[in-house]
C-alpha atoms as a PDB file:
ATOM      1  CA  MET A   1      29.762   6.506   0.855  1.00  0.00           C
ATOM      2  CA  GLY A   2      27.545   8.471   3.004  1.00  0.00           C
ATOM      3  CA  MET A   3      24.396   7.242   1.298  1.00  0.00           C
ATOM      4  CA  ARG A   4      25.508   3.685   1.700  1.00  0.00           C
ATOM      5  CA  ARG A   5      26.219   4.204   5.292  1.00  0.00           C
ATOM      6  CA  TYR A   6      22.696   6.030   5.676  1.00  0.00           C
ATOM      7  CA  LEU A   7      20.914   3.407   3.826  1.00  0.00           C
ATOM      8  CA  ALA A   8      22.739   0.657   6.065  1.00  0.00           C
ATOM      9  CA  LYS A   9      21.412   2.566   9.190  1.00  0.00           C
ATOM     10  CA  ARG A  10      17.943   2.519   7.820  1.00  0.00           C
ATOM     11  CA  LEU A  11      17.998  -0.908   7.062  1.00  0.00           C
ATOM     12  CA  VAL A  12      18.971  -2.089  10.564  1.00  0.00           C
ATOM     13  CA  HIS A  13      16.341   0.388  11.962  1.00  0.00           C
ATOM     14  CA  SER A  14      13.857  -0.877   9.603  1.00  0.00           C
ATOM     15  CA  LEU A  15      14.510  -4.481  10.699  1.00  0.00           C
ATOM     16  CA  PHE A  16      13.842  -3.393  14.174  1.00  0.00           C
ATOM     17  CA  VAL A  17      10.657  -1.815  13.385  1.00  0.00           C
ATOM     18  CA  VAL A  18       9.476  -5.033  11.415  1.00  0.00           C
ATOM     19  CA  PHE A  19      10.570  -7.274  14.410  1.00  0.00           C
ATOM     20  CA  PHE A  20       8.535  -4.834  17.011  1.00  0.00           C
ATOM     21  CA  VAL A  21       5.373  -5.243  14.596  1.00  0.00           C
ATOM     22  CA  ALA A  22       5.741  -8.945  14.554  1.00  0.00           C
ATOM     23  CA  THR A  23       5.857  -9.234  18.201  1.00  0.00           C
ATOM     24  CA  VAL A  24       3.116  -7.009  18.636  1.00  0.00           C
ATOM     25  CA  VAL A  25       1.123  -8.907  16.185  1.00  0.00           C
ATOM     26  CA  PHE A  26       1.928 -12.137  17.436  1.00  0.00           C
ATOM     27  CA  ALA A  27       0.454 -11.086  20.897  1.00  0.00           C
ATOM     28  CA  ALA A  28      -2.541  -9.314  19.422  1.00  0.00           C
ATOM     29  CA  VAL A  29      -3.595 -12.236  17.443  1.00  0.00           C
ATOM     30  CA  ARG A  30      -3.864 -14.387  20.474  1.00  0.00           C
ATOM     31  CA  SER A  31      -6.093 -11.852  22.410  1.00  0.00           C
ATOM     32  CA  ILE A  32      -8.716 -12.498  19.904  1.00  0.00           C
ATOM     33  CA  PRO A  33     -11.582 -14.221  21.359  1.00  0.00           C
ATOM     34  CA  GLY A  34     -11.989 -17.563  19.928  1.00  0.00           C
ATOM     35  CA  ASP A  35      -9.936 -20.963  19.749  1.00  0.00           C
ATOM     36  CA  PRO A  36      -8.772 -21.945  16.187  1.00  0.00           C
ATOM     37  CA  ALA A  37      -9.135 -25.544  16.922  1.00  0.00           C
ATOM     38  CA  ARG A  38     -12.895 -25.229  18.188  1.00  0.00           C
ATOM     39  CA  LEU A  39     -13.820 -23.183  15.094  1.00  0.00           C
ATOM     40  CA  MET A  40     -12.477 -26.304  13.030  1.00  0.00           C
ATOM     41  CA  LEU A  41     -13.957 -28.723  15.121  1.00  0.00           C
ATOM     42  CA  GLY A  42     -17.441 -26.883  15.840  1.00  0.00           C
ATOM     43  CA  GLY A  43     -18.816 -25.652  19.193  1.00  0.00           C
ATOM     44  CA  ASP A  44     -19.975 -29.224  20.235  1.00  0.00           C
ATOM     45  CA  ALA A  45     -16.259 -30.997  19.773  1.00  0.00           C
ATOM     46  CA  ASP A  46     -15.335 -33.797  21.897  1.00  0.00           C
ATOM     47  CA  PRO A  47     -12.873 -32.649  24.595  1.00  0.00           C
ATOM     48  CA  GLU A  48     -10.488 -34.892  23.715  1.00  0.00           C
ATOM     49  CA  ALA A  49     -10.366 -34.328  19.797  1.00  0.00           C
ATOM     50  CA  LEU A  50     -10.493 -30.937  20.567  1.00  0.00           C
ATOM     51  CA  ALA A  51      -7.283 -31.364  23.201  1.00  0.00           C
ATOM     52  CA  ALA A  52      -5.622 -33.817  20.405  1.00  0.00           C
ATOM     53  CA  LEU A  53      -6.047 -30.772  17.758  1.00  0.00           C
ATOM     54  CA  GLN A  54      -4.696 -28.194  19.962  1.00  0.00           C
ATOM     55  CA  ALA A  55      -1.381 -30.165  20.883  1.00  0.00           C
ATOM     56  CA  GLU A  56      -1.204 -30.982  17.068  1.00  0.00           C
ATOM     57  CA  LEU A  57      -1.438 -27.474  16.273  1.00  0.00           C
ATOM     58  CA  GLY A  58       1.174 -26.335  18.943  1.00  0.00           C
ATOM     59  CA  LEU A  59      -1.729 -24.374  20.728  1.00  0.00           C
ATOM     60  CA  ASN A  60      -1.359 -25.968  23.940  1.00  0.00           C
ATOM     61  CA  GLU A  61       1.952 -24.738  24.845  1.00  0.00           C
ATOM     62  CA  PRO A  62       3.159 -21.857  26.886  1.00  0.00           C
ATOM     63  CA  VAL A  63       2.487 -18.543  24.774  1.00  0.00           C
ATOM     64  CA  TYR A  64       6.171 -17.680  25.244  1.00  0.00           C
ATOM     65  CA  VAL A  65       7.138 -21.254  23.796  1.00  0.00           C
ATOM     66  CA  GLN A  66       5.043 -20.589  20.598  1.00  0.00           C
ATOM     67  CA  TYR A  67       6.482 -17.250  20.471  1.00  0.00           C
ATOM     68  CA  PHE A  68      10.252 -18.178  20.455  1.00  0.00           C
ATOM     69  CA  ARG A  69       9.366 -21.170  18.161  1.00  0.00           C
ATOM     70  CA  TRP A  70       7.583 -18.870  15.707  1.00  0.00           C
ATOM     71  CA  LEU A  71      10.394 -16.285  15.715  1.00  0.00           C
ATOM     72  CA  GLY A  72      12.980 -18.924  15.205  1.00  0.00           C
ATOM     73  CA  ARG A  73      11.032 -19.828  12.039  1.00  0.00           C
ATOM     74  CA  ILE A  74      10.622 -16.224  10.891  1.00  0.00           C
ATOM     75  CA  LEU A  75      14.410 -15.827  11.280  1.00  0.00           C
ATOM     76  CA  SER A  76      14.868 -18.514   8.942  1.00  0.00           C
ATOM     77  CA  GLY A  77      12.621 -17.408   6.591  1.00  0.00           C
ATOM     78  CA  ASP A  78       9.661 -19.750   7.273  1.00  0.00           C
ATOM     79  CA  LEU A  79       6.467 -18.142   7.871  1.00  0.00           C
ATOM     80  CA  GLY A  80       4.801 -21.082   8.700  1.00  0.00           C
ATOM     81  CA  ASP A  81       1.868 -23.083   7.695  1.00  0.00           C
ATOM     82  CA  SER A  82      -1.724 -22.269   7.752  1.00  0.00           C
ATOM     83  CA  ILE A  83      -3.839 -23.659  10.540  1.00  0.00           C
ATOM     84  CA  ARG A  84      -6.786 -24.423   8.259  1.00  0.00           C
ATOM     85  CA  THR A  85      -5.343 -25.655   5.339  1.00  0.00           C
ATOM     86  CA  GLY A  86      -1.740 -26.740   6.147  1.00  0.00           C
ATOM     87  CA  GLN A  87      -0.541 -24.874   3.023  1.00  0.00           C
ATOM     88  CA  SER A  88       2.462 -22.754   3.402  1.00  0.00           C
ATOM     89  CA  VAL A  89       1.997 -19.141   4.452  1.00  0.00           C
ATOM     90  CA  LEU A  90       4.444 -17.982   1.834  1.00  0.00           C
ATOM     91  CA  GLU A  91       2.727 -19.837  -0.874  1.00  0.00           C
ATOM     92  CA  LEU A  92      -0.613 -18.408   0.152  1.00  0.00           C
ATOM     93  CA  LEU A  93       0.949 -14.749   0.139  1.00  0.00           C
ATOM     94  CA  ILE A  94       2.677 -15.492  -3.117  1.00  0.00           C
ATOM     95  CA  ASP A  95      -0.608 -16.752  -4.671  1.00  0.00           C
ATOM     96  CA  VAL A  96      -2.606 -13.406  -3.750  1.00  0.00           C
ATOM     97  CA  ALA A  97       0.160 -10.979  -4.124  1.00  0.00           C
ATOM     98  CA  GLU A  98      -0.120 -10.437  -7.854  1.00  0.00           C
ATOM     99  CA  PRO A  99      -3.615  -9.097  -8.023  1.00  0.00           C
ATOM    100  CA  THR A 100      -3.141  -6.756  -5.006  1.00  0.00           C
ATOM    101  CA  LEU A 101       0.286  -5.557  -6.076  1.00  0.00           C
ATOM    102  CA  SER A 102      -1.401  -5.145  -9.809  1.00  0.00           C
ATOM    103  CA  ILE A 103      -4.219  -3.041  -8.385  1.00  0.00           C
ATOM    104  CA  ALA A 104      -1.982  -0.830  -5.817  1.00  0.00           C
ATOM    105  CA  GLY A 105       0.647  -0.306  -8.437  1.00  0.00           C
ATOM    106  CA  LEU A 106      -1.551   0.659 -11.153  1.00  0.00           C
ATOM    107  CA  GLY A 107      -3.974   2.739  -8.803  1.00  0.00           C
ATOM    108  CA  MET A 108      -0.974   4.800  -7.647  1.00  0.00           C
ATOM    109  CA  ALA A 109       0.164   5.706 -11.121  1.00  0.00           C
ATOM    110  CA  ILE A 110      -3.569   6.540 -11.723  1.00  0.00           C
ATOM    111  CA  ALA A 111      -3.286   8.920  -8.629  1.00  0.00           C
ATOM    112  CA  LEU A 112      -0.124  10.384  -9.970  1.00  0.00           C
ATOM    113  CA  VAL A 113      -1.316  11.177 -13.429  1.00  0.00           C
ATOM    114  CA  ILE A 114      -4.272  12.653 -11.754  1.00  0.00           C
ATOM    115  CA  ALA A 115      -2.293  14.615  -9.081  1.00  0.00           C
ATOM    116  CA  ILE A 116       0.807  16.326 -10.599  1.00  0.00           C
ATOM    117  CA  PRO A 117      -0.734  18.052 -13.714  1.00  0.00           C
ATOM    118  CA  THR A 118      -3.830  19.234 -11.990  1.00  0.00           C
ATOM    119  CA  GLY A 119      -1.772  20.217  -9.009  1.00  0.00           C
ATOM    120  CA  ILE A 120       0.742  22.215 -11.215  1.00  0.00           C
ATOM    121  CA  ILE A 121      -2.317  23.586 -13.010  1.00  0.00           C
ATOM    122  CA  SER A 122      -3.945  24.580 -10.056  1.00  0.00           C
ATOM    123  CA  ALA A 123      -0.950  26.518  -8.268  1.00  0.00           C
ATOM    124  CA  VAL A 124       0.007  28.289 -11.553  1.00  0.00           C
ATOM    125  CA  LYS A 125      -3.569  29.235 -12.281  1.00  0.00           C
ATOM    126  CA  ARG A 126      -4.341  30.043  -8.670  1.00  0.00           C
ATOM    127  CA  TYR A 127      -7.732  31.558  -7.985  1.00  0.00           C
ATOM    128  CA  GLU A 128      -8.639  30.900 -11.630  1.00  0.00           C
ATOM    129  CA  ILE A 129     -11.214  28.656 -12.994  1.00  0.00           C
ATOM    130  CA  GLU A 130      -8.561  25.847 -13.749  1.00  0.00           C
ATOM    131  CA  ASP A 131      -7.992  26.087 -10.230  1.00  0.00           C
ATOM    132  CA  TYR A 132     -11.322  25.842  -9.331  1.00  0.00           C
ATOM    133  CA  LEU A 133     -11.915  22.939 -11.273  1.00  0.00           C
ATOM    134  CA  SER A 134      -8.872  21.140 -10.359  1.00  0.00           C
ATOM    135  CA  THR A 135      -9.865  21.786  -6.475  1.00  0.00           C
ATOM    136  CA  LEU A 136     -13.379  20.381  -7.290  1.00  0.00           C
ATOM    137  CA  VAL A 137     -11.695  17.191  -8.826  1.00  0.00           C
ATOM    138  CA  ALA A 138      -9.604  16.562  -5.781  1.00  0.00           C
ATOM    139  CA  PHE A 139     -12.627  17.217  -3.238  1.00  0.00           C
ATOM    140  CA  PHE A 140     -14.593  14.697  -5.362  1.00  0.00           C
ATOM    141  CA  GLY A 141     -11.723  12.108  -4.913  1.00  0.00           C
ATOM    142  CA  ILE A 142     -11.326  12.614  -1.281  1.00  0.00           C
ATOM    143  CA  SER A 143     -15.017  12.760  -0.364  1.00  0.00           C
ATOM    144  CA  MET A 144     -15.613   9.427  -2.057  1.00  0.00           C
ATOM    145  CA  PRO A 145     -14.296   6.204  -0.569  1.00  0.00           C
ATOM    146  CA  SER A 146     -12.999   3.544  -2.804  1.00  0.00           C
ATOM    147  CA  PHE A 147     -15.582   0.865  -2.461  1.00  0.00           C
ATOM    148  CA  TRP A 148     -18.270   3.586  -3.502  1.00  0.00           C
ATOM    149  CA  ILE A 149     -16.246   4.378  -6.664  1.00  0.00           C
ATOM    150  CA  GLY A 150     -15.984   1.027  -7.396  1.00  0.00           C
ATOM    151  CA  ILE A 151     -19.508   0.248  -7.163  1.00  0.00           C
ATOM    152  CA  VAL A 152     -20.582   3.743  -9.421  1.00  0.00           C
ATOM    153  CA  LEU A 153     -17.927   2.273 -11.854  1.00  0.00           C
ATOM    154  CA  ILE A 154     -19.496  -1.048 -11.997  1.00  0.00           C
ATOM    155  CA  LEU A 155     -22.870   0.153 -12.733  1.00  0.00           C
ATOM    156  CA  VAL A 156     -21.981   2.976 -15.159  1.00  0.00           C
ATOM    157  CA  VAL A 157     -19.153   1.740 -16.639  1.00  0.00           C
ATOM    158  CA  GLY A 158     -18.812  -1.844 -16.438  1.00  0.00           C
ATOM    159  CA  VAL A 159     -22.153  -2.619 -17.303  1.00  0.00           C
ATOM    160  CA  ASN A 160     -22.381  -0.513 -20.272  1.00  0.00           C
ATOM    161  CA  VAL A 161     -18.434  -1.526 -21.386  1.00  0.00           C
ATOM    162  CA  GLU A 162     -18.433  -5.121 -22.228  1.00  0.00           C
ATOM    163  CA  PHE A 163     -14.705  -5.406 -22.236  1.00  0.00           C
ATOM    164  CA  LEU A 164     -14.071  -4.464 -19.132  1.00  0.00           C
ATOM    165  CA  PRO A 165     -14.971  -7.025 -16.654  1.00  0.00           C
ATOM    166  CA  THR A 166     -16.528  -6.367 -13.139  1.00  0.00           C
ATOM    167  CA  PHE A 167     -15.773  -9.586 -11.416  1.00  0.00           C
ATOM    168  CA  GLY A 168     -12.654 -11.523 -11.087  1.00  0.00           C
ATOM    169  CA  TYR A 169      -8.768 -11.119 -11.968  1.00  0.00           C
ATOM    170  CA  THR A 170      -6.996 -12.486 -14.774  1.00  0.00           C
ATOM    171  CA  SER A 171      -3.366 -13.336 -14.243  1.00  0.00           C
ATOM    172  CA  ILE A 172      -0.711 -11.344 -16.520  1.00  0.00           C
ATOM    173  CA  GLU A 173       0.610 -14.893 -17.505  1.00  0.00           C
ATOM    174  CA  GLU A 174      -2.881 -14.843 -19.529  1.00  0.00           C
ATOM    175  CA  GLY A 175      -1.966 -11.872 -21.541  1.00  0.00           C
ATOM    176  CA  VAL A 176      -1.384  -8.237 -20.857  1.00  0.00           C
ATOM    177  CA  VAL A 177      -4.597  -7.031 -22.263  1.00  0.00           C
ATOM    178  CA  PRO A 178      -6.827  -9.374 -20.528  1.00  0.00           C
ATOM    179  CA  TRP A 179      -4.911  -8.590 -17.151  1.00  0.00           C
ATOM    180  CA  LEU A 180      -5.053  -4.939 -17.534  1.00  0.00           C
ATOM    181  CA  GLN A 181      -8.657  -4.934 -18.497  1.00  0.00           C
ATOM    182  CA  SER A 182      -9.376  -6.910 -15.225  1.00  0.00           C
ATOM    183  CA  ILE A 183      -7.627  -4.420 -13.060  1.00  0.00           C
ATOM    184  CA  LEU A 184      -8.490  -1.255 -14.727  1.00  0.00           C
ATOM    185  CA  LEU A 185     -11.538  -0.315 -12.955  1.00  0.00           C
ATOM    186  CA  PRO A 186     -10.578  -1.477  -9.535  1.00  0.00           C
ATOM    187  CA  SER A 187      -7.340   0.576  -9.959  1.00  0.00           C
ATOM    188  CA  ILE A 188      -9.313   3.703 -10.838  1.00  0.00           C
ATOM    189  CA  ALA A 189     -11.580   3.058  -7.664  1.00  0.00           C
ATOM    190  CA  VAL A 190      -8.208   2.922  -5.678  1.00  0.00           C
ATOM    191  CA  GLY A 191      -6.392   5.595  -7.188  1.00  0.00           C
ATOM    192  CA  VAL A 192      -8.919   8.513  -7.588  1.00  0.00           C
ATOM    193  CA  PRO A 193      -9.045   9.130  -3.420  1.00  0.00           C
ATOM    194  CA  TYR A 194      -5.452   9.220  -3.391  1.00  0.00           C
ATOM    195  CA  GLY A 195      -5.102  11.299  -6.403  1.00  0.00           C
ATOM    196  CA  GLY A 196      -7.130  13.742  -4.697  1.00  0.00           C
ATOM    197  CA  ILE A 197      -5.259  13.890  -1.797  1.00  0.00           C
ATOM    198  CA  LEU A 198      -1.599  14.066  -3.683  1.00  0.00           C
ATOM    199  CA  MET A 199      -3.401  16.817  -5.771  1.00  0.00           C
ATOM    200  CA  ARG A 200      -4.099  18.936  -2.763  1.00  0.00           C
ATOM    201  CA  MET A 201      -0.457  18.222  -1.475  1.00  0.00           C
ATOM    202  CA  MET A 202       1.088  18.958  -5.022  1.00  0.00           C
ATOM    203  CA  ARG A 203      -0.678  22.214  -5.065  1.00  0.00           C
ATOM    204  CA  SER A 204       0.456  23.314  -1.760  1.00  0.00           C
ATOM    205  CA  SER A 205       3.907  22.512  -2.404  1.00  0.00           C
ATOM    206  CA  MET A 206       4.212  23.982  -5.631  1.00  0.00           C
ATOM    207  CA  LEU A 207       2.506  27.239  -4.443  1.00  0.00           C
ATOM    208  CA  GLU A 208       5.153  27.403  -1.862  1.00  0.00           C
ATOM    209  CA  VAL A 209       8.243  26.702  -4.143  1.00  0.00           C
ATOM    210  CA  LEU A 210       6.703  29.622  -6.511  1.00  0.00           C
ATOM    211  CA  ASN A 211       6.972  32.383  -3.749  1.00  0.00           C
ATOM    212  CA  GLN A 212      10.866  31.044  -2.998  1.00  0.00           C
ATOM    213  CA  ASP A 213      13.473  33.786  -3.738  1.00  0.00           C
ATOM    214  CA  TYR A 214      15.400  31.744  -6.018  1.00  0.00           C
ATOM    215  CA  MET A 215      12.263  31.349  -8.373  1.00  0.00           C
ATOM    216  CA  ARG A 216      11.812  35.005  -8.301  1.00  0.00           C
ATOM    217  CA  THR A 217      15.235  35.541  -9.157  1.00  0.00           C
ATOM    218  CA  ALA A 218      15.263  33.065 -12.070  1.00  0.00           C
ATOM    219  CA  ARG A 219      12.055  34.690 -13.598  1.00  0.00           C
ATOM    220  CA  ALA A 220      13.676  38.165 -13.159  1.00  0.00           C
ATOM    221  CA  LYS A 221      16.681  36.798 -15.041  1.00  0.00           C
ATOM    222  CA  GLY A 222      14.596  36.213 -18.287  1.00  0.00           C
ATOM    223  CA  LEU A 223      14.701  32.504 -18.164  1.00  0.00           C
ATOM    224  CA  ASN A 224      12.226  30.675 -19.974  1.00  0.00           C
ATOM    225  CA  SER A 225       9.107  30.327 -17.754  1.00  0.00           C
ATOM    226  CA  ASN A 226       8.398  26.536 -18.426  1.00  0.00           C
ATOM    227  CA  LEU A 227      12.124  25.726 -17.747  1.00  0.00           C
ATOM    228  CA  VAL A 228      12.006  28.074 -14.529  1.00  0.00           C
ATOM    229  CA  LEU A 229       8.590  25.984 -13.628  1.00  0.00           C
ATOM    230  CA  PHE A 230       9.738  22.335 -14.230  1.00  0.00           C
ATOM    231  CA  LYS A 231      13.599  22.370 -13.715  1.00  0.00           C
ATOM    232  CA  HIS A 232      13.530  24.560 -10.441  1.00  0.00           C
ATOM    233  CA  GLY A 233      10.063  24.412  -9.143  1.00  0.00           C
ATOM    234  CA  LEU A 234       8.635  20.990  -9.909  1.00  0.00           C
ATOM    235  CA  GLN A 235      12.129  19.573  -8.701  1.00  0.00           C
ATOM    236  CA  ASN A 236      11.595  20.905  -5.282  1.00  0.00           C
ATOM    237  CA  ALA A 237       7.749  20.611  -5.113  1.00  0.00           C
ATOM    238  CA  LEU A 238       7.813  16.876  -5.754  1.00  0.00           C
ATOM    239  CA  ILE A 239       9.648  16.025  -2.913  1.00  0.00           C
ATOM    240  CA  PRO A 240       6.644  15.894  -0.290  1.00  0.00           C
ATOM    241  CA  VAL A 241       4.574  14.442  -2.865  1.00  0.00           C
ATOM    242  CA  VAL A 242       7.153  11.609  -3.607  1.00  0.00           C
ATOM    243  CA  THR A 243       7.147  11.223   0.406  1.00  0.00           C
ATOM    244  CA  LEU A 244       3.377  10.865   0.871  1.00  0.00           C
ATOM    245  CA  ALA A 245       2.828   8.537  -2.568  1.00  0.00           C
ATOM    246  CA  GLY A 246       5.662   6.336  -1.083  1.00  0.00           C
ATOM    247  CA  ILE A 247       3.592   5.878   1.983  1.00  0.00           C
ATOM    248  CA  PHE A 248       0.300   5.736   0.272  1.00  0.00           C
ATOM    249  CA  LEU A 249       1.641   2.967  -1.982  1.00  0.00           C
ATOM    250  CA  ALA A 250       2.100   0.860   1.159  1.00  0.00           C
ATOM    251  CA  VAL A 251      -1.176   1.722   2.480  1.00  0.00           C
ATOM    252  CA  VAL A 252      -3.024   0.592  -0.388  1.00  0.00           C
ATOM    253  CA  LEU A 253      -1.461  -2.849  -0.183  1.00  0.00           C
ATOM    254  CA  GLY A 254      -3.191  -3.287   2.914  1.00  0.00           C
ATOM    255  CA  GLY A 255      -6.038  -1.094   2.511  1.00  0.00           C
ATOM    256  CA  VAL A 256      -7.777  -2.386  -0.922  1.00  0.00           C
ATOM    257  CA  VAL A 257      -9.743  -5.227   0.684  1.00  0.00           C
ATOM    258  CA  ALA A 258     -13.007  -3.202   0.089  1.00  0.00           C
ATOM    259  CA  VAL A 259     -12.212  -2.816  -3.314  1.00  0.00           C
ATOM    260  CA  GLU A 260     -11.348  -6.617  -3.735  1.00  0.00           C
ATOM    261  CA  ILE A 261     -14.460  -7.685  -2.352  1.00  0.00           C
ATOM    262  CA  VAL A 262     -16.500  -5.315  -4.689  1.00  0.00           C
ATOM    263  CA  PHE A 263     -14.813  -6.732  -7.679  1.00  0.00           C
ATOM    264  CA  GLY A 264     -14.554 -10.274  -6.339  1.00  0.00           C
ATOM    265  CA  ILE A 265     -10.816 -10.655  -6.592  1.00  0.00           C
ATOM    266  CA  ARG A 266      -8.869 -12.405  -4.080  1.00  0.00           C
ATOM    267  CA  GLY A 267      -6.041 -10.590  -2.894  1.00  0.00           C
ATOM    268  CA  LEU A 268      -3.946  -9.968  -0.002  1.00  0.00           C
ATOM    269  CA  GLY A 269      -6.617  -7.973   2.019  1.00  0.00           C
ATOM    270  CA  ARG A 270      -9.185 -10.740   1.623  1.00  0.00           C
ATOM    271  CA  LEU A 271      -6.636 -13.180   2.751  1.00  0.00           C
ATOM    272  CA  LEU A 272      -6.119 -11.043   5.924  1.00  0.00           C
ATOM    273  CA  ILE A 273      -9.778 -10.629   6.570  1.00  0.00           C
ATOM    274  CA  GLY A 274     -10.697 -14.301   6.078  1.00  0.00           C
ATOM    275  CA  SER A 275      -7.762 -15.465   8.267  1.00  0.00           C
ATOM    276  CA  ILE A 276      -8.834 -13.139  11.219  1.00  0.00           C
ATOM    277  CA  ASN A 277     -12.335 -14.641  10.913  1.00  0.00           C
ATOM    278  CA  ARG A 278     -10.789 -18.227  10.921  1.00  0.00           C
ATOM    279  CA  ARG A 279      -8.336 -17.384  13.728  1.00  0.00           C
ATOM    280  CA  ASP A 280      -5.409 -18.786  11.616  1.00  0.00           C
ATOM    281  CA  PHE A 281      -2.803 -17.117  13.492  1.00  0.00           C
ATOM    282  CA  PRO A 282       0.250 -18.157  10.855  1.00  0.00           C
ATOM    283  CA  VAL A 283      -1.545 -16.472   7.881  1.00  0.00           C
ATOM    284  CA  ILE A 284      -2.429 -13.131   9.788  1.00  0.00           C
ATOM    285  CA  GLN A 285       1.149 -12.962  11.582  1.00  0.00           C
ATOM    286  CA  GLY A 286       2.619 -13.508   7.706  1.00  0.00           C
ATOM    287  CA  THR A 287       0.241 -11.308   6.117  1.00  0.00           C
ATOM    288  CA  VAL A 288       1.003  -8.272   8.621  1.00  0.00           C
ATOM    289  CA  ILE A 289       4.677  -8.711   8.472  1.00  0.00           C
ATOM    290  CA  VAL A 290       4.622  -8.448   4.746  1.00  0.00           C
ATOM    291  CA  ILE A 291       2.668  -5.333   4.827  1.00  0.00           C
ATOM    292  CA  SER A 292       4.831  -3.822   7.335  1.00  0.00           C
ATOM    293  CA  PHE A 293       7.816  -4.814   5.474  1.00  0.00           C
ATOM    294  CA  ALA A 294       6.548  -2.925   2.572  1.00  0.00           C
ATOM    295  CA  PHE A 295       5.884   0.057   4.528  1.00  0.00           C
ATOM    296  CA  VAL A 296       9.608   0.417   5.618  1.00  0.00           C
ATOM    297  CA  PHE A 297      11.030  -0.803   2.148  1.00  0.00           C
ATOM    298  CA  MET A 298       9.040   2.010   0.459  1.00  0.00           C
ATOM    299  CA  ASN A 299      10.171   4.670   3.065  1.00  0.00           C
ATOM    300  CA  LEU A 300      13.718   3.402   1.590  1.00  0.00           C
ATOM    301  CA  ILE A 301      12.864   3.817  -1.663  1.00  0.00           C
ATOM    302  CA  VAL A 302      11.566   7.381  -1.006  1.00  0.00           C
ATOM    303  CA  ASP A 303      15.081   8.212   0.559  1.00  0.00           C
ATOM    304  CA  VAL A 304      16.755   7.106  -2.552  1.00  0.00           C
ATOM    305  CA  LEU A 305      14.167   9.003  -5.059  1.00  0.00           C
ATOM    306  CA  TYR A 306      14.905  12.146  -3.154  1.00  0.00           C
ATOM    307  CA  THR A 307      18.397  12.237  -4.471  1.00  0.00           C
ATOM    308  CA  MET A 308      17.265  11.354  -7.714  1.00  0.00           C
ATOM    309  CA  ILE A 309      14.695  14.076  -7.998  1.00  0.00           C
ATOM    310  CA  ASN A 310      17.160  16.684  -6.499  1.00  0.00           C
ATOM    311  CA  PRO A 311      20.690  15.621  -6.687  1.00  0.00           C
ATOM    312  CA  ARG A 312      21.572  18.531  -4.006  1.00  0.00           C
ATOM    313  CA  ILE A 313      20.090  16.286  -1.320  1.00  0.00           C
ATOM    314  CA  THR A 314      22.677  14.471   0.449  1.00  0.00           C
ATOM    315  CA  TYR A 315      22.872  11.885   3.274  1.00  0.00           C
ATOM    316  CA  GLY A 316      26.422  12.426   4.819  1.00  0.00           C
ATOM    317  CA  GLY A 317      27.778  10.566   7.752  1.00  0.00           C
ATOM    318  CA  GLY A 318      26.867  13.456  10.100  1.00  0.00           C
ATOM    319  CA  GLU A 319      23.107  13.341   9.052  1.00  0.00           C
END
């Protein structure tokens, strides 16, 4: 009951956060220099044609009128239509969501596969060769931006390995294997930097846990060292890593634009950048709302994962 009450409060709080972000974005996009109607018609557009297009798009009305009309559509689940194409913003987002979600999901999985084992090894073998090698891997990932790793992968791997494409995206509907081949290199480019950061977090968290009294007591009782490490140590050390991974997954959704450009993939990031360049207000607003919703949703998921990783964590009515 306490968990349900806590999640209900968090959900209400999250809705207010999304509402605040949406309002700020609405104001921000209209402060960007440039008139969408003029960009569509050209700089030497006829004033009458320009005024007619502005009226058709609703851009000639006061900002507060535009805001309340837009807010009403949002509350009804309608993100509006693109100024440039007339297509539903929701349809546009659905079209580009699959590649971005695929790259972000696999990239985060790769980051965790790198971070958790190397972080544990680095902590257990502190100041030994394994620790130095793991730290070297982490610093390599942290210091190299995703787009640079993507370019290196194209030049080194893509050119020499024919079955790994370096341009474009294949939908999962066309087959799991072609889909996986098309996102593997972009996902590695996304996952390696975050893997380095998570590895350092995993190492620090594990070192802190290993020095706790209950860990020393468990070892003094003669319990199996692997049981002590993975049952008592890893269970607690994973909590801050899960928090950071959840935040990173939401960050990746909005931050893979450079990787999408390098690999020629039309995803959420490229849609957002293109919409900003075209002053396509509804698409910009809809995309940012989706990204902000991903942030708050991932925070809720992390809260649930806490109790799964460590059942002793509860959310009571007074917490």
